[in-house]
C-alpha atoms as a PDB file:
ATOM      1  CA  MET A   1       0.000   0.000   0.000  1.00  0.00           C
ATOM      2  CA  THR A   2       2.867   2.392   0.721  1.00  0.00           C
ATOM      3  CA  LEU A   3       4.282   1.702  -2.721  1.00  0.00           C
ATOM      4  CA  LEU A   4       0.934   2.325  -4.389  1.00  0.00           C
ATOM      5  CA  ILE A   5       0.402   5.623  -2.563  1.00  0.00           C
ATOM      6  CA  THR A   6       3.887   6.956  -3.290  1.00  0.00           C
ATOM      7  CA  VAL A   7       3.717   5.893  -6.948  1.00  0.00           C
ATOM      8  CA  LEU A   8       0.405   7.705  -7.272  1.00  0.00           C
ATOM      9  CA  ALA A   9       1.840  10.837  -5.623  1.00  0.00           C
ATOM     10  CA  ALA A  10       4.962  10.666  -7.821  1.00  0.00           C
ATOM     11  CA  VAL A  11       2.968  10.287 -11.042  1.00  0.00           C
ATOM     12  CA  ILE A  12       0.537  13.087 -10.203  1.00  0.00           C
ATOM     13  CA  THR A  13       3.353  15.435  -9.186  1.00  0.00           C
ATOM     14  CA  THR A  14       5.345  14.584 -12.298  1.00  0.00           C
ATOM     15  CA  VAL A  15       2.373  15.306 -14.562  1.00  0.00           C
ATOM     16  CA  VAL A  16       1.754  18.645 -12.837  1.00  0.00           C
ATOM     17  CA  TRP A  17       5.459  19.491 -13.052  1.00  0.00           C
ATOM     18  CA  TYR A  18       5.612  18.547 -16.740  1.00  0.00           C
ATOM     19  CA  VAL A  19       2.547  20.602 -17.655  1.00  0.00           C
ATOM     20  CA  ASN A  20       3.886  23.664 -15.831  1.00  0.00           C
ATOM     21  CA  ALA A  21       7.612  23.102 -16.498  1.00  0.00           C
ATOM     22  CA  PRO A  22       8.463  26.042 -18.739  1.00  0.00           C
ATOM     23  CA  LYS A  23       6.844  28.736 -16.592  1.00  0.00           C
ATOM     24  CA  SER A  24       6.776  27.204 -13.114  1.00  0.00           C
ATOM     25  CA  LYS A  25       8.907  28.674 -10.352  1.00  0.00           C
ATOM     26  CA  MET A  26       7.441  26.576  -7.537  1.00  0.00           C
ATOM     27  CA  ARG A  27      10.229  23.955  -7.481  1.00  0.00           C
ATOM     28  CA  LEU A  28       7.908  21.050  -8.288  1.00  0.00           C
ATOM     29  CA  GLY A  29      10.912  19.122  -9.582  1.00  0.00           C
ATOM     30  CA  THR A  30      12.143  18.848  -5.996  1.00  0.00           C
ATOM     31  CA  LEU A  31       8.814  17.377  -4.907  1.00  0.00           C
ATOM     32  CA  CYS A  32       8.911  14.945  -7.847  1.00  0.00           C
ATOM     33  CA  LEU A  33      12.356  13.750  -6.864  1.00  0.00           C
ATOM     34  CA  MET A  34      11.288  13.227  -3.252  1.00  0.00           C
ATOM     35  CA  TYR A  35       8.287  11.134  -4.305  1.00  0.00           C
ATOM     36  CA  TRP A  36      10.231   9.128  -6.896  1.00  0.00           C
ATOM     37  CA  GLY A  37      12.918   8.481  -4.275  1.00  0.00           C
ATOM     38  CA  ALA A  38      10.256   7.186  -1.889  1.00  0.00           C
ATOM     39  CA  THR A  39       8.841   5.050  -4.703  1.00  0.00           C
ATOM     40  CA  VAL A  40      12.241   3.456  -5.341  1.00  0.00           C
ATOM     41  CA  MET A  41      12.685   2.872  -1.606  1.00  0.00           C
ATOM     42  CA  TRP A  42       9.289   1.155  -1.276  1.00  0.00           C
ATOM     43  CA  SER A  43       9.951  -0.867  -4.458  1.00  0.00           C
ATOM     44  CA  VAL A  44      13.141  -2.289  -2.971  1.00  0.00           C
ATOM     45  CA  ASP A  45      11.257  -2.964   0.260  1.00  0.00           C
ATOM     46  CA  ALA A  46       8.514  -4.788  -1.675  1.00  0.00           C
ATOM     47  CA  VAL A  47      11.035  -6.973  -3.505  1.00  0.00           C
ATOM     48  CA  PHE A  48      12.759  -8.025  -0.302  1.00  0.00           C
ATOM     49  CA  GLU A  49       9.448  -8.584   1.466  1.00  0.00           C
ATOM     50  CA  TYR A  50       8.286 -10.773  -1.422  1.00  0.00           C
ATOM     51  CA  ILE A  51      11.521 -12.774  -1.226  1.00  0.00           C
ATOM     52  CA  GLU A  52      10.865 -13.317   2.474  1.00  0.00           C
ATOM     53  CA  LEU A  53       7.116 -14.051   2.387  1.00  0.00           C
ATOM     54  CA  LYS A  54       6.633 -15.660  -1.066  1.00  0.00           C
ATOM     55  CA  GLU A  55       2.905 -16.190  -1.755  1.00  0.00           C
ATOM     56  CA  ALA A  56       1.851 -14.701   1.599  1.00  0.00           C
ATOM     57  CA  TYR A  57       2.980 -11.316   0.293  1.00  0.00           C
ATOM     58  CA  PHE A  58      -0.181 -11.113  -1.846  1.00  0.00           C
ATOM     59  CA  THR A  59      -2.600 -11.785   1.034  1.00  0.00           C
ATOM     60  CA  PRO A  60      -1.824  -9.204   3.719  1.00  0.00           C
ATOM     61  CA  GLU A  61      -3.904  -8.834   6.848  1.00  0.00           C
ATOM     62  CA  PRO A  62      -6.293  -5.855   6.911  1.00  0.00           C
ATOM     63  CA  ALA A  63      -4.430  -4.359   9.883  1.00  0.00           C
ATOM     64  CA  ASP A  64      -1.159  -4.536   7.933  1.00  0.00           C
ATOM     65  CA  MET A  65      -2.793  -2.840   4.949  1.00  0.00           C
ATOM     66  CA  LEU A  66      -4.125  -0.076   7.175  1.00  0.00           C
ATOM     67  CA  ASN A  67      -0.703   0.462   8.754  1.00  0.00           C
ATOM     68  CA  ASP A  68       0.899   0.561   5.305  1.00  0.00           C
ATOM     69  CA  ALA A  69      -1.695   3.068   4.108  1.00  0.00           C
ATOM     70  CA  PHE A  70      -0.997   5.335   7.090  1.00  0.00           C
ATOM     71  CA  LEU A  71       2.734   5.035   6.446  1.00  0.00           C
ATOM     72  CA  GLY A  72       2.296   5.886   2.763  1.00  0.00           C
ATOM     73  CA  LEU A  73       0.097   8.882   3.524  1.00  0.00           C
ATOM     74  CA  SER A  74       2.568  10.014   6.172  1.00  0.00           C
ATOM     75  CA  ALA A  75       5.400   9.846   3.637  1.00  0.00           C
ATOM     76  CA  VAL A  76       3.388  11.911   1.142  1.00  0.00           C
ATOM     77  CA  VAL A  77       2.465  14.515   3.759  1.00  0.00           C
ATOM     78  CA  LEU A  78       6.044  14.722   5.013  1.00  0.00           C
ATOM     79  CA  GLY A  79       7.221  15.278   1.436  1.00  0.00           C
ATOM     80  CA  LEU A  80       4.674  18.075   1.046  1.00  0.00           C
ATOM     81  CA  VAL A  81       5.783  19.707   4.306  1.00  0.00           C
ATOM     82  CA  ILE A  82       9.459  19.579   3.295  1.00  0.00           C
ATOM     83  CA  TRP A  83       8.599  20.988  -0.143  1.00  0.00           C
ATOM     84  CA  LEU A  84       6.532  23.769   1.427  1.00  0.00           C
ATOM     85  CA  VAL A  85       9.415  24.742   3.718  1.00  0.00           C
ATOM     86  CA  ILE A  86      11.781  24.813   0.720  1.00  0.00           C
ATOM     87  CA  VAL A  87       9.364  26.998  -1.265  1.00  0.00           C
ATOM     88  CA  LEU A  88       8.886  29.385   1.650  1.00  0.00           C
ATOM     89  CA  ILE A  89      12.649  29.681   2.191  1.00  0.00           C
ATOM     90  CA  LYS A  90      13.490  30.140  -1.506  1.00  0.00           C
ATOM     91  CA  ASP A  91      10.443  32.410  -2.019  1.00  0.00           C
ATOM     92  CA  PRO A  92      10.449  32.188  -5.840  1.00  0.00           C
ATOM     93  CA  LYS A  93       7.688  34.760  -6.316  1.00  0.00           C
ATOM     94  CA  GLY A  94       8.828  37.141  -3.576  1.00  0.00           C
ATOM     95  CA  VAL A  95       5.571  36.854  -1.637  1.00  0.00           C
ATOM     96  CA  VAL A  96       7.130  36.202   1.770  1.00  0.00           C
ATOM     97  CA  LYS A  97       9.626  39.030   1.343  1.00  0.00           C
ATOM     98  CA  ALA A  98       6.861  41.397   0.282  1.00  0.00           C
ATOM     99  CA  ALA A  99       4.770  40.424   3.301  1.00  0.00           C
ATOM    100  CA  PHE A 100       7.617  41.286   5.669  1.00  0.00           C
ATOM    101  CA  THR A 101       8.710  44.491   3.929  1.00  0.00           C
ATOM    102  CA  HIS A 102       5.237  45.827   3.116  1.00  0.00           C
ATOM    103  CA  GLY A 103       4.953  47.932   6.268  1.00  0.00           C
ATOM    104  CA  THR A 104       8.559  49.193   6.366  1.00  0.00           C
ATOM    105  CA  LYS A 105       8.417  51.750   3.555  1.00  0.00           C
END
């Protein structure tokens, strides 16, 4: 489930990045790389788990699926939080700077 959630987040982010690539200043490429990195990590985890469990890998318990879903959503949210911090620090459109300097003229 973690792999499925991160693949979905990576694909959606990549499509949005690709559509807005020429004019985008929001550093979506960074978010894409974070999600694709998580996807590779969960892919390796899935391969090793399959090697360990064999056929049982395809019949997980509902509690395990729920835990994996929470972990996948947590990874996606953490990626969004990190990306948001990067965007606020880099301030590509100057919005944060303008908000702080607006009253000092």
